[in-house]
Amino acid sequence: MTDLEDLKDGYEDYLEGAGLVEEKGNYKSSVNLYFKALTSLVDYILKKRKGRVPDNHGERFRMTEDEFTEVYRILDSIFGTYRDSYTEERGEKHVRRIKNGIRKIIQDQGLGEEFEVPH
């Protein structure tokens, strides 16, 4: 069973890794890692407020859609950027888009004291 601390640790690990590969100009990997940080953040919110973590992206979307509409909107708008990173080149603007989404979710959910915001 995943606990809140594991989800927070995962977020921090993904965020750190994303920043390192972004510094090297590897935007494709950075997009993937920032998106993983984003999903760890969303899973943290769901675990904390609903008591469970989704098993996959589809369930994550369903769990956020009704009660966490702003989180859902951000997650939905960014998912294509992440998914397309497997087949298309990604650049700084894609990285910025995901980082901005993370910032917005942290702000919207009042998690600024608990979670580091990407730079």
Protein backbone atom coordinates (compact mmCIF):
# COMPACT_ATOMS: atom_id res chain seq x y z
CA MET A 1 0.00 0.00 0.00
CA THR A 2 1.33 3.39 -1.00
CA ASP A 3 1.51 5.98 1.74
CA LEU A 4 1.68 9.75 1.49
CA GLU A 5 5.39 9.90 2.27
CA ASP A 6 6.19 7.46 -0.56
CA LEU A 7 4.22 9.63 -2.99
CA LYS A 8 5.95 12.79 -1.81
CA ASP A 9 9.37 11.10 -2.05
CA GLY A 10 8.52 9.95 -5.59
CA TYR A 11 7.52 13.49 -6.53
CA GLU A 12 10.80 14.86 -5.22
CA ASP A 13 12.87 12.19 -7.01
CA TYR A 14 11.12 12.78 -10.34
CA LEU A 15 11.39 16.55 -9.94
CA GLU A 16 15.11 16.35 -9.22
CA GLY A 17 15.75 14.00 -12.14
CA ALA A 18 13.70 16.16 -14.50
CA GLY A 19 15.68 19.24 -13.53
CA LEU A 20 18.99 17.47 -14.12
CA VAL A 21 18.13 16.22 -17.59
CA GLU A 22 16.51 19.54 -18.47
CA GLU A 23 19.81 21.31 -17.64
CA LYS A 24 21.52 19.02 -20.16
CA GLY A 25 18.98 19.93 -22.84
CA ASN A 26 17.31 16.51 -22.86
CA TYR A 27 13.76 17.82 -23.06
CA LYS A 28 12.13 14.55 -24.08
CA SER A 29 13.27 12.82 -20.87
CA SER A 30 12.55 15.95 -18.88
CA VAL A 31 8.94 15.99 -20.10
CA ASN A 32 8.54 12.36 -19.02
CA LEU A 33 10.01 12.93 -15.58
CA TYR A 34 8.08 16.14 -14.93
CA PHE A 35 4.88 14.35 -15.91
CA LYS A 36 5.72 11.54 -13.49
CA ALA A 37 6.24 14.21 -10.81
CA LEU A 38 2.85 15.66 -11.71
CA THR A 39 1.12 12.28 -11.41
CA SER A 40 2.84 11.63 -8.07
CA LEU A 41 1.50 14.99 -6.89
CA VAL A 42 -2.01 14.17 -8.10
CA ASP A 43 -1.83 10.73 -6.50
CA TYR A 44 -0.77 12.37 -3.23
CA ILE A 45 -3.84 14.62 -3.37
CA LEU A 46 -6.11 11.67 -4.12
CA LYS A 47 -4.61 9.52 -1.37
CA LYS A 48 -4.85 12.34 1.17
CA ARG A 49 -8.40 13.36 0.31
CA LYS A 50 -10.01 10.16 -1.00
CA GLY A 51 -7.94 7.53 0.79
CA ARG A 52 -6.65 5.69 -2.26
CA VAL A 53 -4.32 5.91 -5.23
CA PRO A 54 -5.43 5.19 -8.81
CA ASP A 55 -4.08 2.13 -10.64
CA ASN A 56 -3.62 3.87 -13.99
CA HIS A 57 -4.04 7.12 -15.92
CA GLY A 58 -7.67 6.42 -16.79
CA GLU A 59 -8.62 5.93 -13.18
CA ARG A 60 -6.61 9.03 -12.19
CA PHE A 61 -8.66 11.08 -14.66
CA ARG A 62 -11.95 9.67 -13.39
CA MET A 63 -11.02 10.27 -9.75
CA THR A 64 -10.11 13.92 -10.34
CA GLU A 65 -12.84 14.88 -12.80
CA ASP A 66 -15.73 15.42 -10.37
CA GLU A 67 -14.15 16.61 -7.13
CA PHE A 68 -10.91 18.20 -8.28
CA THR A 69 -11.97 19.96 -11.46
CA GLU A 70 -8.98 22.33 -11.66
CA VAL A 71 -6.55 19.45 -11.13
CA TYR A 72 -8.41 17.46 -13.79
CA ARG A 73 -8.32 20.37 -16.24
CA ILE A 74 -4.57 20.78 -15.84
CA LEU A 75 -3.88 17.04 -15.98
CA ASP A 76 -6.04 16.63 -19.07
CA SER A 77 -4.44 19.58 -20.86
CA ILE A 78 -0.92 18.25 -20.22
CA PHE A 79 -1.48 14.55 -20.89
CA GLY A 80 -1.13 14.94 -24.66
CA THR A 81 2.24 16.66 -24.25
CA TYR A 82 3.45 13.70 -22.20
CA ARG A 83 1.94 11.04 -24.47
CA ASP A 84 3.34 12.62 -27.61
CA SER A 85 6.84 12.68 -26.11
CA TYR A 86 7.16 9.01 -27.02
CA THR A 87 6.94 9.72 -30.74
CA GLU A 88 7.63 13.43 -31.23
CA GLU A 89 10.47 15.75 -30.32
CA ARG A 90 9.85 17.82 -27.22
CA GLY A 91 11.37 21.21 -26.42
CA GLU A 92 11.62 23.85 -23.74
CA LYS A 93 8.04 25.03 -24.29
CA HIS A 94 6.72 21.53 -23.50
CA VAL A 95 8.81 21.35 -20.34
CA ARG A 96 7.58 24.81 -19.30
CA ARG A 97 3.98 23.75 -19.87
CA ILE A 98 4.24 20.80 -17.49
CA LYS A 99 6.16 22.78 -14.87
CA ASN A 100 3.48 25.49 -14.98
CA GLY A 101 0.81 22.82 -14.50
CA ILE A 102 2.62 21.49 -11.44
CA ARG A 103 2.89 25.01 -10.01
CA LYS A 104 -0.82 25.65 -10.58
CA ILE A 105 -1.87 22.41 -8.90
CA ILE A 106 0.36 23.08 -5.88
CA GLN A 107 -1.07 26.59 -5.59
CA ASP A 108 -4.69 25.54 -6.22
CA GLN A 109 -4.53 22.75 -3.65
CA GLY A 110 -2.67 24.79 -1.02
CA LEU A 111 0.36 22.49 -1.00
CA GLY A 112 3.06 25.17 -1.17
CA GLU A 113 4.35 24.30 2.30
CA GLU A 114 4.60 20.59 1.51
CA PHE A 115 5.87 20.47 -2.08
CA GLU A 116 8.78 22.08 -3.85
CA VAL A 117 7.77 24.00 -6.94
CA PRO A 118 9.82 23.39 -10.11
CA HIS A 119 12.13 26.21 -11.17
